[in-house]
Structure formats: C-alpha cells, structure tokens
C-alpha cells in the first residue's frame, strides 16, 4: 500500500508539474498574443497616418495640377491673343501698303496730268 501511495503521490506531482507547465505556456502564449495585437494596432495606426499623409499629398498635387491646367489655359489664351494681334498687324501693314500703292498710282496720274498740261 505504501507503494501505491508513493506511486499516486508521484503521479499527482507529475500531473501538477505538467499542468503548471501547460498553464505557464498558456500565459506565455497569451502574452505573445497580446504583444502581437499591440504590434498590429501600432502597425494599423502607422499605416493610417501614412494613408492620411498620402491623401493630403494627393490633394496638394491635384491643386497643383488644377493650377497648371489654369495656367495652360491662360498661356493658350495669351498665345491666341498674340496670334490675333500679329494677324491684325499684318492686315494693317497690307492696308498701308495698298494705300501707298494707291497713292503711288494717284501720284503717277497727277504727274501725267501735269506733263500733259505742261505740254499744252
């Protein structure tokens, strides 16, 4: 009977040790899970901050793009205005050349008239 008592005592001690190891392992796993959760939450916060930063940068780039589009429209409009002014100036020059030719023709006619009157 002493043998059985010793055997059951030893079995009880082994069971307690194994149970303690199991629960200590459970606590370690629980602590690791808590650490993983904390890491995941930190990563989530970092990624959300990075996303917010990128969204701000996207908005800034869109504003810059809109400004450049407006500037492009302004430059295109300025080019169109300058082109129109050049065309108008060319037409003015043609008009003045025609006026000069007309006056030249009139001068020629008047010279002929003067020569004709002079000969008479």
PDB file of N, CA and C in Angstrom:
ATOM      1  N   UNK A   1       0.808  -1.177   0.000  1.00  0.00           N
ATOM      2  CA  UNK A   1       0.000   0.000   0.000  1.00  0.00           C
ATOM      3  C   UNK A   1       0.858   1.250   0.000  1.00  0.00           C
ATOM      4  N   UNK A   2       1.961   1.175   0.645  1.00  0.00           N
ATOM      5  CA  UNK A   2       2.882   2.298   0.648  1.00  0.00           C
ATOM      6  C   UNK A   2       3.371   2.571  -0.780  1.00  0.00           C
ATOM      7  N   UNK A   3       3.516   1.488  -1.536  1.00  0.00           N
ATOM      8  CA  UNK A   3       3.941   1.644  -2.919  1.00  0.00           C
ATOM      9  C   UNK A   3       2.899   2.378  -3.735  1.00  0.00           C
ATOM     10  N   UNK A   4       1.655   2.031  -3.534  1.00  0.00           N
ATOM     11  CA  UNK A   4       0.586   2.695  -4.276  1.00  0.00           C
ATOM     12  C   UNK A   4       0.474   4.158  -3.883  1.00  0.00           C
ATOM     13  N   UNK A   5       0.631   4.434  -2.633  1.00  0.00           N
ATOM     14  CA  UNK A   5       0.566   5.810  -2.155  1.00  0.00           C
ATOM     15  C   UNK A   5       1.721   6.598  -2.747  1.00  0.00           C
ATOM     16  N   UNK A   6       2.876   5.986  -2.761  1.00  0.00           N
ATOM     17  CA  UNK A   6       4.041   6.646  -3.339  1.00  0.00           C
ATOM     18  C   UNK A   6       3.822   6.857  -4.836  1.00  0.00           C
ATOM     19  N   UNK A   7       3.272   5.848  -5.500  1.00  0.00           N
ATOM     20  CA  UNK A   7       3.013   5.954  -6.934  1.00  0.00           C
ATOM     21  C   UNK A   7       2.003   7.057  -7.231  1.00  0.00           C
ATOM     22  N   UNK A   8       0.886   7.087  -6.484  1.00  0.00           N
ATOM     23  CA  UNK A   8      -0.130   8.116  -6.703  1.00  0.00           C
ATOM     24  C   UNK A   8       0.387   9.504  -6.337  1.00  0.00           C
ATOM     25  N   UNK A   9       1.232   9.575  -5.313  1.00  0.00           N
ATOM     26  CA  UNK A   9       1.839  10.859  -4.936  1.00  0.00           C
ATOM     27  C   UNK A   9       2.734  11.348  -6.067  1.00  0.00           C
ATOM     28  N   UNK A  10       3.525  10.428  -6.596  1.00  0.00           N
ATOM     29  CA  UNK A  10       4.411  10.778  -7.705  1.00  0.00           C
ATOM     30  C   UNK A  10       3.587  11.167  -8.929  1.00  0.00           C
ATOM     31  N   UNK A  11       2.519  10.433  -9.185  1.00  0.00           N
ATOM     32  CA  UNK A  11       1.637  10.744 -10.306  1.00  0.00           C
ATOM     33  C   UNK A  11       0.979  12.103 -10.114  1.00  0.00           C
ATOM     34  N   UNK A  12       0.578  12.413  -8.885  1.00  0.00           N
ATOM     35  CA  UNK A  12      -0.025  13.707  -8.577  1.00  0.00           C
ATOM     36  C   UNK A  12       0.987  14.837  -8.789  1.00  0.00           C
ATOM     37  N   UNK A  13       2.203  14.627  -8.355  1.00  0.00           N
ATOM     38  CA  UNK A  13       3.251  15.645  -8.515  1.00  0.00           C
ATOM     39  C   UNK A  13       3.539  15.864  -9.997  1.00  0.00           C
ATOM     40  N   UNK A  14       3.614  14.793 -10.753  1.00  0.00           N
ATOM     41  CA  UNK A  14       3.873  14.908 -12.200  1.00  0.00           C
ATOM     42  C   UNK A  14       2.711  15.640 -12.872  1.00  0.00           C
ATOM     43  N   UNK A  15       1.505  15.323 -12.476  1.00  0.00           N
ATOM     44  CA  UNK A  15       0.328  15.982 -13.042  1.00  0.00           C
ATOM     45  C   UNK A  15       0.355  17.478 -12.729  1.00  0.00           C
ATOM     46  N   UNK A  16       0.706  17.827 -11.507  1.00  0.00           N
ATOM     47  CA  UNK A  16       0.779  19.238 -11.113  1.00  0.00           C
ATOM     48  C   UNK A  16       1.862  19.955 -11.922  1.00  0.00           C
ATOM     49  N   UNK A  17       2.992  19.309 -12.082  1.00  0.00           N
ATOM     50  CA  UNK A  17       4.090  19.922 -12.846  1.00  0.00           C
ATOM     51  C   UNK A  17       3.681  20.110 -14.302  1.00  0.00           C
ATOM     52  N   UNK A  18       3.104  19.084 -14.882  1.00  0.00           N
ATOM     53  CA  UNK A  18       2.675  19.187 -16.293  1.00  0.00           C
ATOM     54  C   UNK A  18       1.580  20.240 -16.425  1.00  0.00           C
ATOM     55  N   UNK A  19       0.649  20.250 -15.493  1.00  0.00           N
ATOM     56  CA  UNK A  19      -0.416  21.262 -15.518  1.00  0.00           C
ATOM     57  C   UNK A  19       0.164  22.665 -15.384  1.00  0.00           C
ATOM     58  N   UNK A  20       1.135  22.812 -14.470  1.00  0.00           N
ATOM     59  CA  UNK A  20       1.785  24.123 -14.300  1.00  0.00           C
ATOM     60  C   UNK A  20       2.504  24.545 -15.560  1.00  0.00           C
ATOM     61  N   UNK A  21       3.183  23.609 -16.187  1.00  0.00           N
ATOM     62  CA  UNK A  21       3.871  23.929 -17.445  1.00  0.00           C
ATOM     63  C   UNK A  21       2.860  24.324 -18.521  1.00  0.00           C
ATOM     64  N   UNK A  22       1.754  23.609 -18.559  1.00  0.00           N
ATOM     65  CA  UNK A  22       0.724  23.915 -19.542  1.00  0.00           C
ATOM     66  C   UNK A  22       0.178  25.317 -19.330  1.00  0.00           C
ATOM     67  N   UNK A  23      -0.162  25.638 -18.066  1.00  0.00           N
ATOM     68  CA  UNK A  23      -0.730  26.960 -17.796  1.00  0.00           C
ATOM     69  C   UNK A  23       0.306  28.072 -17.945  1.00  0.00           C
ATOM     70  N   UNK A  24       1.574  27.773 -17.610  1.00  0.00           N
ATOM     71  CA  UNK A  24       2.594  28.802 -17.818  1.00  0.00           C
ATOM     72  C   UNK A  24       2.820  29.006 -19.311  1.00  0.00           C
ATOM     73  N   UNK A  25       2.750  27.914 -20.074  1.00  0.00           N
ATOM     74  CA  UNK A  25       2.854  28.023 -21.522  1.00  0.00           C
ATOM     75  C   UNK A  25       1.660  28.799 -22.068  1.00  0.00           C
ATOM     76  N   UNK A  26       0.481  28.578 -21.508  1.00  0.00           N
ATOM     77  CA  UNK A  26      -0.723  29.305 -21.912  1.00  0.00           C
ATOM     78  C   UNK A  26      -0.547  30.787 -21.633  1.00  0.00           C
ATOM     79  N   UNK A  27       0.026  31.132 -20.461  1.00  0.00           N
ATOM     80  CA  UNK A  27       0.259  32.538 -20.133  1.00  0.00           C
ATOM     81  C   UNK A  27       1.272  33.159 -21.093  1.00  0.00           C
ATOM     82  N   UNK A  28       2.292  32.389 -21.455  1.00  0.00           N
ATOM     83  CA  UNK A  28       3.291  32.894 -22.404  1.00  0.00           C
ATOM     84  C   UNK A  28       2.642  33.126 -23.758  1.00  0.00           C
ATOM     85  N   UNK A  29       1.822  32.171 -24.187  1.00  0.00           N
ATOM     86  CA  UNK A  29       1.133  32.336 -25.466  1.00  0.00           C
ATOM     87  C   UNK A  29       0.181  33.520 -25.408  1.00  0.00           C
ATOM     88  N   UNK A  30      -0.485  33.695 -24.290  1.00  0.00           N
ATOM     89  CA  UNK A  30      -1.400  34.822 -24.119  1.00  0.00           C
ATOM     90  C   UNK A  30      -0.617  36.135 -24.169  1.00  0.00           C
ATOM     91  N   UNK A  31       0.534  36.175 -23.519  1.00  0.00           N
ATOM     92  CA  UNK A  31       1.376  37.376 -23.548  1.00  0.00           C
ATOM     93  C   UNK A  31       1.872  37.638 -24.968  1.00  0.00           C
ATOM     94  N   UNK A  32       2.235  36.570 -25.683  1.00  0.00           N
ATOM     95  CA  UNK A  32       2.671  36.737 -27.065  1.00  0.00           C
ATOM     96  C   UNK A  32       1.525  37.242 -27.942  1.00  0.00           C
ATOM     97  N   UNK A  33       0.329  36.722 -27.693  1.00  0.00           N
ATOM     98  CA  UNK A  33      -0.835  37.179 -28.451  1.00  0.00           C
ATOM     99  C   UNK A  33      -1.104  38.651 -28.159  1.00  0.00           C
ATOM    100  N   UNK A  34      -0.968  39.053 -26.892  1.00  0.00           N
ATOM    101  CA  UNK A  34      -1.144  40.462 -26.544  1.00  0.00           C
ATOM    102  C   UNK A  34      -0.106  41.330 -27.248  1.00  0.00           C
ATOM    103  N   UNK A  35       1.131  40.835 -27.298  1.00  0.00           N
ATOM    104  CA  UNK A  35       2.206  41.578 -27.970  1.00  0.00           C
ATOM    105  C   UNK A  35       1.922  41.694 -29.469  1.00  0.00           C
ATOM    106  N   UNK A  36       1.467  40.584 -30.071  1.00  0.00           N
ATOM    107  CA  UNK A  36       1.122  40.615 -31.489  1.00  0.00           C
ATOM    108  C   UNK A  36      -0.018  41.587 -31.755  1.00  0.00           C
ATOM    109  N   UNK A  37      -1.004  41.600 -30.860  1.00  0.00           N
ATOM    110  CA  UNK A  37      -2.123  42.529 -31.003  1.00  0.00           C
ATOM    111  C   UNK A  37      -1.643  43.969 -30.892  1.00  0.00           C
ATOM    112  N   UNK A  38      -0.770  44.224 -29.925  1.00  0.00           N
ATOM    113  CA  UNK A  38      -0.227  45.582 -29.766  1.00  0.00           C
ATOM    114  C   UNK A  38       0.573  45.978 -31.001  1.00  0.00           C
ATOM    115  N   UNK A  39       1.366  45.055 -31.538  1.00  0.00           N
ATOM    116  CA  UNK A  39       2.127  45.340 -32.758  1.00  0.00           C
ATOM    117  C   UNK A  39       1.199  45.623 -33.941  1.00  0.00           C
ATOM    118  N   UNK A  40       0.141  44.815 -34.031  1.00  0.00           N
ATOM    119  CA  UNK A  40      -0.815  45.008 -35.124  1.00  0.00           C
ATOM    120  C   UNK A  40      -1.508  46.355 -34.998  1.00  0.00           C
ATOM    121  N   UNK A  41      -1.861  46.736 -33.779  1.00  0.00           N
ATOM    122  CA  UNK A  41      -2.502  48.032 -33.572  1.00  0.00           C
ATOM    123  C   UNK A  41      -1.537  49.178 -33.895  1.00  0.00           C
ATOM    124  N   UNK A  42      -0.269  49.020 -33.521  1.00  0.00           N
ATOM    125  CA  UNK A  42       0.734  50.042 -33.832  1.00  0.00           C
ATOM    126  C   UNK A  42       0.932  50.147 -35.345  1.00  0.00           C
ATOM    127  N   UNK A  43       0.974  48.983 -36.012  1.00  0.00           N
ATOM    128  CA  UNK A  43       1.103  48.982 -37.474  1.00  0.00           C
ATOM    129  C   UNK A  43      -0.111  49.646 -38.118  1.00  0.00           C
ATOM    130  N   UNK A  44      -1.289  49.343 -37.596  1.00  0.00           N
ATOM    131  CA  UNK A  44      -2.520  49.934 -38.132  1.00  0.00           C
ATOM    132  C   UNK A  44      -2.478  51.443 -37.976  1.00  0.00           C
ATOM    133  N   UNK A  45      -2.079  51.935 -36.805  1.00  0.00           N
ATOM    134  CA  UNK A  45      -2.003  53.373 -36.570  1.00  0.00           C
ATOM    135  C   UNK A  45      -0.977  54.019 -37.496  1.00  0.00           C
ATOM    136  N   UNK A  46       0.172  53.366 -37.671  1.00  0.00           N
ATOM    137  CA  UNK A  46       1.218  53.897 -38.559  1.00  0.00           C
ATOM    138  C   UNK A  46       0.717  53.954 -39.999  1.00  0.00           C
ATOM    139  N   UNK A  47       0.046  52.886 -40.441  1.00  0.00           N
ATOM    140  CA  UNK A  47      -0.465  52.843 -41.811  1.00  0.00           C
ATOM    141  C   UNK A  47      -1.568  53.882 -42.031  1.00  0.00           C
ATOM    142  N   UNK A  48      -2.428  54.069 -41.026  1.00  0.00           N
ATOM    143  CA  UNK A  48      -3.476  55.094 -41.149  1.00  0.00           C
ATOM    144  C   UNK A  48      -2.863  56.486 -41.244  1.00  0.00           C
ATOM    145  N   UNK A  49      -1.813  56.735 -40.456  1.00  0.00           N
ATOM    146  CA  UNK A  49      -1.128  58.029 -40.523  1.00  0.00           C
ATOM    147  C   UNK A  49      -0.477  58.217 -41.893  1.00  0.00           C
ATOM    148  N   UNK A  50       0.137  57.161 -42.394  1.00  0.00           N
ATOM    149  CA  UNK A  50       0.766  57.233 -43.714  1.00  0.00           C
ATOM    150  C   UNK A  50      -0.280  57.461 -44.804  1.00  0.00           C
ATOM    151  N   UNK A  51      -1.430  56.798 -44.675  1.00  0.00           N
ATOM    152  CA  UNK A  51      -2.522  56.973 -45.630  1.00  0.00           C
ATOM    153  C   UNK A  51      -3.032  58.406 -45.605  1.00  0.00           C
ATOM    154  N   UNK A  52      -3.208  58.961 -44.404  1.00  0.00           N
ATOM    155  CA  UNK A  52      -3.664  60.350 -44.293  1.00  0.00           C
ATOM    156  C   UNK A  52      -2.657  61.296 -44.937  1.00  0.00           C
ATOM    157  N   UNK A  53      -1.381  61.028 -44.721  1.00  0.00           N
ATOM    158  CA  UNK A  53      -0.325  61.843 -45.324  1.00  0.00           C
ATOM    159  C   UNK A  53      -0.381  61.761 -46.846  1.00  0.00           C
ATOM    160  N   UNK A  54      -0.561  60.556 -47.371  1.00  0.00           N
ATOM    161  CA  UNK A  54      -0.644  60.377 -48.819  1.00  0.00           C
ATOM    162  C   UNK A  54      -1.876  61.062 -49.397  1.00  0.00           C
ATOM    163  N   UNK A  55      -2.990  61.000 -48.682  1.00  0.00           N
ATOM    164  CA  UNK A  55      -4.201  61.665 -49.153  1.00  0.00           C
ATOM    165  C   UNK A  55      -4.003  63.176 -49.202  1.00  0.00           C
ATOM    166  N   UNK A  56      -3.316  63.736 -48.207  1.00  0.00           N
ATOM    167  CA  UNK A  56      -3.011  65.171 -48.231  1.00  0.00           C
ATOM    168  C   UNK A  56      -2.113  65.511 -49.413  1.00  0.00           C
ATOM    169  N   UNK A  57      -1.137  64.657 -49.668  1.00  0.00           N
ATOM    170  CA  UNK A  57      -0.226  64.888 -50.786  1.00  0.00           C
ATOM    171  C   UNK A  57      -0.970  64.808 -52.116  1.00  0.00           C
ATOM    172  N   UNK A  58      -1.924  63.871 -52.204  1.00  0.00           N
ATOM    173  CA  UNK A  58      -2.726  63.743 -53.425  1.00  0.00           C
ATOM    174  C   UNK A  58      -3.548  65.004 -53.647  1.00  0.00           C
ATOM    175  N   UNK A  59      -4.158  65.519 -52.583  1.00  0.00           N
ATOM    176  CA  UNK A  59      -4.950  66.751 -52.690  1.00  0.00           C
ATOM    177  C   UNK A  59      -4.055  67.907 -53.137  1.00  0.00           C
ATOM    178  N   UNK A  60      -2.848  68.004 -52.557  1.00  0.00           N
ATOM    179  CA  UNK A  60      -1.914  69.069 -52.930  1.00  0.00           C
ATOM    180  C   UNK A  60      -1.517  68.944 -54.400  1.00  0.00           C
ATOM    181  N   UNK A  61      -1.241  67.719 -54.851  1.00  0.00           N
ATOM    182  CA  UNK A  61      -0.862  67.512 -56.252  1.00  0.00           C
ATOM    183  C   UNK A  61      -2.028  67.838 -57.184  1.00  0.00           C
ATOM    184  N   UNK A  62      -3.259  67.515 -56.756  1.00  0.00           N
ATOM    185  CA  UNK A  62      -4.431  67.839 -57.579  1.00  0.00           C
ATOM    186  C   UNK A  62      -4.592  69.341 -57.702  1.00  0.00           C
ATOM    187  N   UNK A  63      -4.377  70.078 -56.596  1.00  0.00           N
ATOM    188  CA  UNK A  63      -4.434  71.539 -56.650  1.00  0.00           C
ATOM    189  C   UNK A  63      -3.361  72.082 -57.578  1.00  0.00           C
ATOM    190  N   UNK A  64      -2.165  71.512 -57.480  1.00  0.00           N
ATOM    191  CA  UNK A  64      -1.069  71.941 -58.344  1.00  0.00           C
ATOM    192  C   UNK A  64      -1.414  71.665 -59.807  1.00  0.00           C
ATOM    193  N   UNK A  65      -2.002  70.499 -60.066  1.00  0.00           N
ATOM    194  CA  UNK A  65      -2.397  70.143 -61.426  1.00  0.00           C
ATOM    195  C   UNK A  65      -3.473  71.092 -61.941  1.00  0.00           C
ATOM    196  N   UNK A  66      -4.460  71.391 -61.101  1.00  0.00           N
ATOM    197  CA  UNK A  66      -5.511  72.327 -61.494  1.00  0.00           C
ATOM    198  C   UNK A  66      -4.918  73.701 -61.811  1.00  0.00           C
ATOM    199  N   UNK A  67      -3.968  74.134 -60.994  1.00  0.00           N
ATOM    200  CA  UNK A  67      -3.304  75.411 -61.236  1.00  0.00           C
ATOM    201  C   UNK A  67      -2.546  75.403 -62.548  1.00  0.00           C
ATOM    202  N   UNK A  68      -1.877  74.290 -62.821  1.00  0.00           N
ATOM    203  CA  UNK A  68      -1.143  74.181 -64.081  1.00  0.00           C
ATOM    204  C   UNK A  68      -2.099  74.136 -65.268  1.00  0.00           C
ATOM    205  N   UNK A  69      -3.241  73.485 -65.091  1.00  0.00           N
ATOM    206  CA  UNK A  69      -4.227  73.470 -66.168  1.00  0.00           C
ATOM    207  C   UNK A  69      -4.734  74.884 -66.419  1.00  0.00           C
ATOM    208  N   UNK A  70      -5.006  75.626 -65.351  1.00  0.00           N
ATOM    209  CA  UNK A  70      -5.443  77.013 -65.490  1.00  0.00           C
ATOM    210  C   UNK A  70      -4.367  77.856 -66.145  1.00  0.00           C
ATOM    211  N   UNK A  71      -3.131  77.609 -65.761  1.00  0.00           N
ATOM    212  CA  UNK A  71      -2.013  78.342 -66.342  1.00  0.00           C
ATOM    213  C   UNK A  71      -1.890  77.986 -67.820  1.00  0.00           C
ATOM    214  N   UNK A  72      -2.080  76.728 -68.140  1.00  0.00           N
ATOM    215  CA  UNK A  72      -2.016  76.283 -69.525  1.00  0.00           C
ATOM    216  C   UNK A  72      -3.101  76.971 -70.341  1.00  0.00           C
ATOM    217  N   UNK A  73      -4.295  77.061 -69.767  1.00  0.00           N
ATOM    218  CA  UNK A  73      -5.391  77.754 -70.445  1.00  0.00           C
ATOM    219  C   UNK A  73      -5.016  79.217 -70.628  1.00  0.00           C
ATOM    220  N   UNK A  74      -4.432  79.800 -69.610  1.00  0.00           N
ATOM    221  CA  UNK A  74      -4.031  81.196 -69.679  1.00  0.00           C
ATOM    222  C   UNK A  74      -2.956  81.385 -70.737  1.00  0.00           C
ATOM    223  N   UNK A  75      -1.990  80.493 -70.779  1.00  0.00           N
ATOM    224  CA  UNK A  75      -0.924  80.584 -71.784  1.00  0.00           C
ATOM    225  C   UNK A  75      -1.514  80.387 -73.173  1.00  0.00           C
ATOM    226  N   UNK A  76      -2.398  79.422 -73.316  1.00  0.00           N
ATOM    227  CA  UNK A  76      -3.042  79.191 -74.616  1.00  0.00           C
ATOM    228  C   UNK A  76      -3.836  80.413 -75.035  1.00  0.00           C
ATOM    229  N   UNK A  77      -4.535  81.007 -74.089  1.00  0.00           N
ATOM    230  CA  UNK A  77      -5.309  82.212 -74.389  1.00  0.00           C
ATOM    231  C   UNK A  77      -4.375  83.342 -74.779  1.00  0.00           C
ATOM    232  N   UNK A  78      -3.256  83.495 -74.049  1.00  0.00           N
ATOM    233  CA  UNK A  78      -2.284  84.542 -74.368  1.00  0.00           C
ATOM    234  C   UNK A  78      -1.703  84.332 -75.756  1.00  0.00           C
ATOM    235  N   UNK A  79      -1.415  83.079 -76.095  1.00  0.00           N
ATOM    236  CA  UNK A  79      -0.893  82.771 -77.432  1.00  0.00           C
ATOM    237  C   UNK A  79      -1.930  83.129 -78.487  1.00  0.00           C
ATOM    238  N   UNK A  80      -3.188  82.794 -78.230  1.00  0.00           N
ATOM    239  CA  UNK A  80      -4.253  83.120 -79.185  1.00  0.00           C
ATOM    240  C   UNK A  80      -4.383  84.637 -79.340  1.00  0.00           C
ATOM    241  N   UNK A  81      -4.301  85.380 -78.235  1.00  0.00           N
ATOM    242  CA  UNK A  81      -4.393  86.846 -78.302  1.00  0.00           C
ATOM    243  C   UNK A  81      -3.225  87.399 -79.111  1.00  0.00           C
ATOM    244  N   UNK A  82      -2.018  86.906 -78.816  1.00  0.00           N
ATOM    245  CA  UNK A  82      -0.846  87.388 -79.550  1.00  0.00           C
ATOM    246  C   UNK A  82      -0.932  87.037 -81.037  1.00  0.00           C
ATOM    247  N   UNK A  83      -1.406  85.843 -81.344  1.00  0.00           N
ATOM    248  CA  UNK A  83      -1.567  85.437 -82.742  1.00  0.00           C
ATOM    249  C   UNK A  83      -2.560  86.354 -83.445  1.00  0.00           C
ATOM    250  N   UNK A  84      -3.657  86.662 -82.787  1.00  0.00           N
ATOM    251  CA  UNK A  84      -4.655  87.562 -83.361  1.00  0.00           C
ATOM    252  C   UNK A  84      -4.065  88.958 -83.559  1.00  0.00           C
ATOM    253  N   UNK A  85      -3.297  89.432 -82.589  1.00  0.00           N
ATOM    254  CA  UNK A  85      -2.664  90.745 -82.728  1.00  0.00           C
ATOM    255  C   UNK A  85      -1.682  90.760 -83.892  1.00  0.00           C
ATOM    256  N   UNK A  86      -0.933  89.661 -84.060  1.00  0.00           N
ATOM    257  CA  UNK A  86       0.005  89.571 -85.190  1.00  0.00           C
ATOM    258  C   UNK A  86      -0.752  89.603 -86.513  1.00  0.00           C
ATOM    259  N   UNK A  87      -1.852  88.851 -86.582  1.00  0.00           N
ATOM    260  CA  UNK A  87      -2.651  88.827 -87.812  1.00  0.00           C
ATOM    261  C   UNK A  87      -3.228  90.219 -88.105  1.00  0.00           C
ATOM    262  N   UNK A  88      -3.681  90.895 -87.062  1.00  0.00           N
ATOM    263  CA  UNK A  88      -4.216  92.257 -87.232  1.00  0.00           C
ATOM    264  C   UNK A  88      -3.124  93.198 -87.724  1.00  0.00           C
ATOM    265  N   UNK A  89      -1.932  93.064 -87.139  1.00  0.00           N
ATOM    266  CA  UNK A  89      -0.816  93.911 -87.567  1.00  0.00           C
ATOM    267  C   UNK A  89      -0.458  93.648 -89.027  1.00  0.00           C
ATOM    268  N   UNK A  90      -0.473  92.371 -89.418  1.00  0.00           N
ATOM    269  CA  UNK A  90      -0.199  92.036 -90.818  1.00  0.00           C
ATOM    270  C   UNK A  90      -1.237  92.667 -91.741  1.00  0.00           C
ATOM    271  N   UNK A  91      -2.506  92.595 -91.317  1.00  0.00           N
ATOM    272  CA  UNK A  91      -3.564  93.212 -92.130  1.00  0.00           C
ATOM    273  C   UNK A  91      -3.386  94.728 -92.194  1.00  0.00           C
ATOM    274  N   UNK A  92      -2.977  95.340 -91.079  1.00  0.00           N
ATOM    275  CA  UNK A  92      -2.716  96.791 -91.077  1.00  0.00           C
ATOM    276  C   UNK A  92      -1.593  97.127 -92.052  1.00  0.00           C
ATOM    277  N   UNK A  93      -0.550  96.299 -92.037  1.00  0.00           N
ATOM    278  CA  UNK A  93       0.578  96.523 -92.951  1.00  0.00           C
ATOM    279  C   UNK A  93       0.112  96.394 -94.395  1.00  0.00           C
ATOM    280  N   UNK A  94      -0.703  95.362 -94.703  1.00  0.00           N
ATOM    281  CA  UNK A  94      -1.221  95.200 -96.057  1.00  0.00           C
ATOM    282  C   UNK A  94      -2.064  96.404 -96.455  1.00  0.00           C
ATOM    283  N   UNK A  95      -2.892  96.855 -95.510  1.00  0.00           N
ATOM    284  CA  UNK A  95      -3.738  98.023 -95.779  1.00  0.00           C
ATOM    285  C   UNK A  95      -2.881  99.243 -96.087  1.00  0.00           C
ATOM    286  N   UNK A  96      -1.838  99.455 -95.324  1.00  0.00           N
ATOM    287  CA  UNK A  96      -0.958 100.609 -95.553  1.00  0.00           C
ATOM    288  C   UNK A  96      -0.204 100.454 -96.868  1.00  0.00           C
ATOM    289  N   UNK A  97       0.218  99.238 -97.188  1.00  0.00           N
ATOM    290  CA  UNK A  97       0.881  99.008 -98.470  1.00  0.00           C
ATOM    291  C   UNK A  97      -0.060  99.314 -99.634  1.00  0.00           C
ATOM    292  N   UNK A  98      -1.327  98.877 -99.494  1.00  0.00           N
ATOM    293  CA  UNK A  98      -2.301  99.174-100.547  1.00  0.00           C
ATOM    294  C   UNK A  98      -2.545 100.682-100.649  1.00  0.00           C
ATOM    295  N   UNK A  99      -2.598 101.349 -99.496  1.00  0.00           N
ATOM    296  CA  UNK A  99      -2.775 102.807 -99.507  1.00  0.00           C
ATOM    297  C   UNK A  99      -1.587 103.470-100.191  1.00  0.00           C
ATOM    298  N   UNK A 100      -0.383 102.988 -99.882  1.00  0.00           N
ATOM    299  CA  UNK A 100       0.827 103.538-100.521  1.00  0.00           C
ATOM    300  C   UNK A 100       0.778 103.286-102.033  1.00  0.00           C
ATOM    301  N   UNK A 101       0.389 102.080-102.449  1.00  0.00           N
ATOM    302  CA  UNK A 101       0.292 101.778-103.875  1.00  0.00           C
ATOM    303  C   UNK A 101      -0.749 102.681-104.549  1.00  0.00           C
ATOM    304  N   UNK A 102      -1.870 102.863-103.852  1.00  0.00           N
ATOM    305  CA  UNK A 102      -2.933 103.719-104.387  1.00  0.00           C
ATOM    306  C   UNK A 102      -2.422 105.149-104.541  1.00  0.00           C
ATOM    307  N   UNK A 103      -1.741 105.646-103.495  1.00  0.00           N
ATOM    308  CA  UNK A 103      -1.188 106.999-103.576  1.00  0.00           C
ATOM    309  C   UNK A 103      -0.134 107.091-104.674  1.00  0.00           C
ATOM    310  N   UNK A 104       0.661 106.014-104.784  1.00  0.00           N
ATOM    311  CA  UNK A 104       1.660 105.981-105.866  1.00  0.00           C
ATOM    312  C   UNK A 104       0.991 106.066-107.222  1.00  0.00           C
ATOM    313  N   UNK A 105      -0.112 105.336-107.389  1.00  0.00           N
ATOM    314  CA  UNK A 105      -0.865 105.379-108.653  1.00  0.00           C
ATOM    315  C   UNK A 105      -1.447 106.767-108.886  1.00  0.00           C
ATOM    316  N   UNK A 106      -1.959 107.357-107.814  1.00  0.00           N
ATOM    317  CA  UNK A 106      -2.522 108.713-107.944  1.00  0.00           C
ATOM    318  C   UNK A 106      -1.419 109.717-108.291  1.00  0.00           C
ATOM    319  N   UNK A 107      -0.259 109.537-107.682  1.00  0.00           N
ATOM    320  CA  UNK A 107       0.872 110.430-107.977  1.00  0.00           C
ATOM    321  C   UNK A 107       1.258 110.297-109.449  1.00  0.00           C
ATOM    322  N   UNK A 108       1.282 109.053-109.926  1.00  0.00           N
ATOM    323  CA  UNK A 108       1.620 108.819-111.329  1.00  0.00           C
ATOM    324  C   UNK A 108       0.600 109.495-112.235  1.00  0.00           C
ATOM    325  N   UNK A 109      -0.674 109.378-111.914  1.00  0.00           N
ATOM    326  CA  UNK A 109      -1.725 110.020-112.711  1.00  0.00           C
ATOM    327  C   UNK A 109      -1.566 111.539-112.681  1.00  0.00           C
ATOM    328  N   UNK A 110      -1.296 112.073-111.507  1.00  0.00           N
ATOM    329  CA  UNK A 110      -1.157 113.523-111.395  1.00  0.00           C
ATOM    330  C   UNK A 110       0.089 114.010-112.137  1.00  0.00           C
ATOM    331  N   UNK A 111       1.165 113.243-112.084  1.00  0.00           N
ATOM    332  CA  UNK A 111       2.367 113.609-112.853  1.00  0.00           C
ATOM    333  C   UNK A 111       2.068 113.621-114.338  1.00  0.00           C
ATOM    334  N   UNK A 112       1.309 112.618-114.805  1.00  0.00           N
ATOM    335  CA  UNK A 112       0.935 112.581-116.194  1.00  0.00           C
ATOM    336  C   UNK A 112       0.053 113.784-116.551  1.00  0.00           C
ATOM    337  N   UNK A 113      -0.853 114.106-115.626  1.00  0.00           N
ATOM    338  CA  UNK A 113      -1.728 115.267-115.859  1.00  0.00           C
ATOM    339  C   UNK A 113      -0.902 116.535-115.932  1.00  0.00           C
ATOM    340  N   UNK A 114       0.091 116.646-115.030  1.00  0.00           N
ATOM    341  CA  UNK A 114       0.939 117.834-115.016  1.00  0.00           C
ATOM    342  C   UNK A 114       1.754 117.887-116.318  1.00  0.00           C
ATOM    343  N   UNK A 115       2.293 116.808-116.760  1.00  0.00           N
ATOM    344  CA  UNK A 115       3.064 116.770-118.006  1.00  0.00           C
ATOM    345  C   UNK A 115       2.184 117.135-119.186  1.00  0.00           C
ATOM    346  N   UNK A 116       0.967 116.626-119.147  1.00  0.00           N
ATOM    347  CA  UNK A 116       0.026 116.905-120.224  1.00  0.00           C
ATOM    348  C   UNK A 116      -0.301 118.404-120.247  1.00  0.00           C
ATOM    349  N   UNK A 117      -0.526 118.977-119.085  1.00  0.00           N
ATOM    350  CA  UNK A 117      -0.831 120.410-119.014  1.00  0.00           C
ATOM    351  C   UNK A 117       0.396 121.237-119.352  1.00  0.00           C
ATOM    352  N   UNK A 118       1.541 120.735-118.974  1.00  0.00           N
ATOM    353  CA  UNK A 118       2.778 121.454-119.267  1.00  0.00           C
ATOM    354  C   UNK A 118       3.038 121.513-120.770  1.00  0.00           C
ATOM    355  N   UNK A 119       2.761 120.455-121.455  1.00  0.00           N
ATOM    356  CA  UNK A 119       2.958 120.429-122.893  1.00  0.00           C
ATOM    357  C   UNK A 119       1.964 121.299-123.607  1.00  0.00           C
ATOM    358  N   UNK A 120       0.816 121.521-123.048  1.00  0.00           N
ATOM    359  CA  UNK A 120      -0.199 122.350-123.686  1.00  0.00           C
ATOM    360  C   UNK A 120       0.212 123.775-123.457  1.00  0.00           C
TER     361      UNK A 120
END
